[in-house]
Amino acid sequence: MDRPELLAYLEGIDRALRAQATLYIYGSAACILLGEPDRTSLDVDVAGPYSDVDQGDLRQAAETVGLPVNPTDDYAGDHIEWVGPLRLCLQPPVEGQALTLWQGARLRIRTGPIADLIASKLIRYDEIDQSDIRYLLTQGAVPFTDVETAVTRLPALFALDPLVRDNLQNLKADMDMWRGGLT
């Protein structure tokens, strides 16, 4: 899905929900809603523990617009990925720092600060993640130290992960290169 398709899904879910809902998202869908040009994705990553929604209501509303929640692994279409606490490489929201990305009559889409979104991408740090991070860095002056602090707030499983730590150092080198040595 691209930005217009994602917005159409959100508008449809908003109309189909029976109650108020807040989804806390991250990953590619957050980047799409933050305006990253030409960014597409097959899924909307929802941080389940940080969201406030009746999951049955969400599942029903999403299915009415053709956006299933956690379909089988062989499903190749657009979907919502409900990420539970054991797989969630994202720090808990900090009061007053969450960004509202989209608001409907019943549905509100939120995400964390830019440094938190960047930290969440260090579990993989592949070419697509790097591209997302470069875009996020152009949207605001995020110093490396903010990302470094965000990594310490990740759930312990990820904050202490050697791959995340290695990728944090790779990010530092990349930020130096991208900003011409101005981290």
Protein backbone atom coordinates (compact mmCIF):
# COMPACT_ATOMS: atom_id res chain seq x y z
CA MET A 1 0.00 0.00 0.00
CA ASP A 2 1.09 3.55 -0.64
CA ARG A 3 -0.05 6.70 1.19
CA PRO A 4 -3.44 7.11 -0.60
CA GLU A 5 -4.24 3.41 -0.07
CA LEU A 6 -3.24 3.57 3.60
CA LEU A 7 -5.39 6.65 4.16
CA ALA A 8 -8.34 4.92 2.45
CA TYR A 9 -7.91 1.91 4.76
CA LEU A 10 -7.79 4.17 7.83
CA GLU A 11 -10.90 6.08 6.73
CA GLY A 12 -12.76 2.81 6.17
CA ILE A 13 -11.70 1.37 9.52
CA ASP A 14 -12.71 4.63 11.21
CA ARG A 15 -16.21 4.35 9.71
CA ALA A 16 -16.54 0.67 10.67
CA LEU A 17 -15.36 0.90 14.29
CA ARG A 18 -18.03 0.78 16.96
CA ALA A 19 -15.93 2.48 19.67
CA GLN A 20 -13.03 4.88 20.05
CA ALA A 21 -9.62 3.37 19.26
CA THR A 22 -6.01 4.47 19.36
CA LEU A 23 -3.42 2.48 17.45
CA TYR A 24 0.24 3.10 18.25
CA ILE A 25 2.15 2.27 15.07
CA TYR A 26 5.77 2.15 13.96
CA GLY A 27 7.72 0.87 10.99
CA SER A 28 6.95 1.65 7.37
CA ALA A 29 3.35 2.79 7.92
CA ALA A 30 4.56 5.47 10.35
CA CYS A 31 7.08 6.64 7.74
CA ILE A 32 4.35 6.69 5.08
CA LEU A 33 2.10 8.82 7.29
CA LEU A 34 5.05 11.10 8.09
CA GLY A 35 5.21 11.80 4.37
CA GLU A 36 8.12 9.68 3.15
CA PRO A 37 7.87 9.94 -0.65
CA ASP A 38 7.30 6.77 -2.67
CA ARG A 39 7.31 4.55 0.45
CA THR A 40 5.09 1.48 0.28
CA SER A 41 4.46 -1.48 2.55
CA LEU A 42 2.33 -4.59 2.82
CA ASP A 43 1.64 -4.12 6.51
CA VAL A 44 0.81 -1.68 9.27
CA ASP A 45 2.87 -2.57 12.34
CA VAL A 46 0.76 -1.95 15.45
CA ALA A 47 2.44 -1.93 18.87
CA GLY A 48 -0.27 -3.95 20.58
CA PRO A 49 0.69 -3.23 24.21
CA TYR A 50 0.73 0.52 23.58
CA SER A 51 -2.56 0.68 21.69
CA ASP A 52 -5.99 1.29 23.19
CA VAL A 53 -8.56 -0.65 21.18
CA ASP A 54 -11.05 -3.47 21.46
CA GLN A 55 -9.21 -6.03 19.35
CA GLY A 56 -12.40 -7.72 18.18
CA ASP A 57 -13.80 -4.39 17.05
CA LEU A 58 -10.54 -3.61 15.22
CA ARG A 59 -10.45 -7.03 13.56
CA GLN A 60 -14.05 -6.68 12.35
CA ALA A 61 -13.53 -3.10 11.13
CA ALA A 62 -10.27 -3.93 9.36
CA GLU A 63 -11.75 -6.97 7.64
CA THR A 64 -14.60 -4.85 6.25
CA VAL A 65 -12.02 -2.83 4.29
CA GLY A 66 -9.97 -5.86 3.24
CA LEU A 67 -7.12 -5.36 5.71
CA PRO A 68 -6.89 -8.53 7.80
CA VAL A 69 -5.18 -8.58 11.19
CA ASN A 70 -2.34 -11.11 11.51
CA PRO A 71 -3.23 -13.26 8.49
CA THR A 72 -1.44 -16.53 7.83
CA ASP A 73 2.24 -16.36 6.88
CA ASP A 74 1.49 -17.19 3.26
CA TYR A 75 -0.86 -14.20 2.87
CA ALA A 76 0.65 -11.80 0.33
CA GLY A 77 -1.73 -8.84 0.59
CA ASP A 78 -1.96 -5.68 2.67
CA HIS A 79 -2.62 -6.37 6.35
CA ILE A 80 -2.24 -5.25 9.94
CA GLU A 81 0.53 -6.86 11.95
CA TRP A 82 -0.46 -6.81 15.63
CA VAL A 83 2.91 -7.00 17.41
CA GLY A 84 2.79 -8.37 20.94
CA PRO A 85 5.16 -7.67 23.83
CA LEU A 86 7.67 -10.43 23.13
CA ARG A 87 8.39 -9.27 19.56
CA LEU A 88 8.04 -5.54 20.08
CA CYS A 89 11.28 -3.66 19.38
CA LEU A 90 9.87 -0.32 20.45
CA GLN A 91 10.05 1.58 23.70
CA PRO A 92 6.88 2.39 25.64
CA PRO A 93 5.32 5.76 24.84
CA VAL A 94 6.54 8.69 26.91
CA GLU A 95 3.70 10.91 28.13
CA GLY A 96 3.45 14.03 26.00
CA GLN A 97 5.89 12.84 23.32
CA ALA A 98 3.65 10.72 21.08
CA LEU A 99 2.88 12.14 17.65
CA THR A 100 -0.62 11.95 16.19
CA LEU A 101 -0.29 10.88 12.56
CA TRP A 102 -3.95 10.63 11.63
CA GLN A 103 -7.27 11.29 13.34
CA GLY A 104 -10.76 10.22 12.35
CA ALA A 105 -14.09 10.26 14.19
CA ARG A 106 -13.26 7.08 16.14
CA LEU A 107 -9.73 6.09 15.12
CA ARG A 108 -6.55 7.86 16.11
CA ILE A 109 -3.13 6.77 14.81
CA ARG A 110 -0.12 7.67 16.95
CA THR A 111 3.60 6.96 16.99
CA GLY A 112 6.62 7.80 19.08
CA PRO A 113 9.25 10.48 18.69
CA ILE A 114 11.57 10.26 15.69
CA ALA A 115 14.49 8.96 17.79
CA ASP A 116 12.29 6.09 19.02
CA LEU A 117 11.28 5.18 15.47
CA ILE A 118 14.94 5.17 14.43
CA ALA A 119 15.93 2.99 17.40
CA SER A 120 13.21 0.47 16.48
CA LYS A 121 14.79 0.01 13.05
CA LEU A 122 18.16 -1.07 14.44
CA ILE A 123 17.05 -4.69 14.93
CA ARG A 124 17.45 -5.15 11.16
CA TYR A 125 19.05 -1.99 9.74
CA ASP A 126 18.75 -3.21 6.16
CA GLU A 127 18.73 -0.91 3.11
CA ILE A 128 15.03 -0.10 3.49
CA ASP A 129 15.48 0.70 7.20
CA GLN A 130 18.45 2.92 6.35
CA SER A 131 16.38 4.75 3.76
CA ASP A 132 13.58 5.27 6.30
CA ILE A 133 16.08 6.55 8.85
CA ARG A 134 17.62 8.98 6.37
CA TYR A 135 14.14 10.33 5.64
CA LEU A 136 13.33 10.64 9.34
CA LEU A 137 16.59 12.50 9.95
CA THR A 138 15.67 15.04 7.26
CA GLN A 139 12.44 15.82 9.12
CA GLY A 140 14.16 17.12 12.20
CA ALA A 141 17.52 17.63 13.80
CA VAL A 142 17.83 14.34 15.67
CA PRO A 143 21.28 14.02 17.21
CA PHE A 144 22.88 10.60 17.51
CA THR A 145 22.77 10.92 21.31
CA ASP A 146 18.93 11.00 21.17
CA VAL A 147 18.91 7.74 19.23
CA GLU A 148 21.49 6.25 21.61
CA THR A 149 19.24 7.17 24.56
CA ALA A 150 16.20 5.74 22.76
CA VAL A 151 18.03 2.42 22.36
CA THR A 152 18.55 2.23 26.14
CA ARG A 153 14.76 2.54 26.57
CA LEU A 154 13.98 -0.38 24.24
CA PRO A 155 12.62 -3.51 25.93
CA ALA A 156 15.60 -5.26 27.58
CA LEU A 157 15.64 -8.09 25.04
CA PHE A 158 16.44 -5.54 22.33
CA ALA A 159 18.34 -2.88 24.30
CA LEU A 160 20.98 -5.46 25.15
CA ASP A 161 20.94 -7.29 21.81
CA PRO A 162 24.45 -7.34 20.28
CA LEU A 163 23.00 -6.83 16.78
CA VAL A 164 21.13 -3.69 17.88
CA ARG A 165 24.32 -2.42 19.56
CA ASP A 166 26.40 -3.12 16.42
CA ASN A 167 23.80 -1.43 14.24
CA LEU A 168 23.77 1.58 16.57
CA GLN A 169 27.48 2.01 15.85
CA ASN A 170 26.83 1.49 12.13
CA LEU A 171 24.18 4.20 12.35
CA LYS A 172 26.66 6.56 14.02
CA ALA A 173 29.10 6.07 11.15
CA ASP A 174 26.32 6.46 8.59
CA MET A 175 25.01 9.63 10.26
CA ASP A 176 28.53 11.07 10.15
CA MET A 177 28.68 10.28 6.45
CA TRP A 178 25.11 11.48 5.68
CA ARG A 179 25.58 14.73 7.54
CA GLY A 180 29.13 15.32 6.41
CA GLY A 181 30.56 14.57 9.86
CA LEU A 182 28.05 16.73 11.78
CA THR A 183 26.57 14.26 14.33
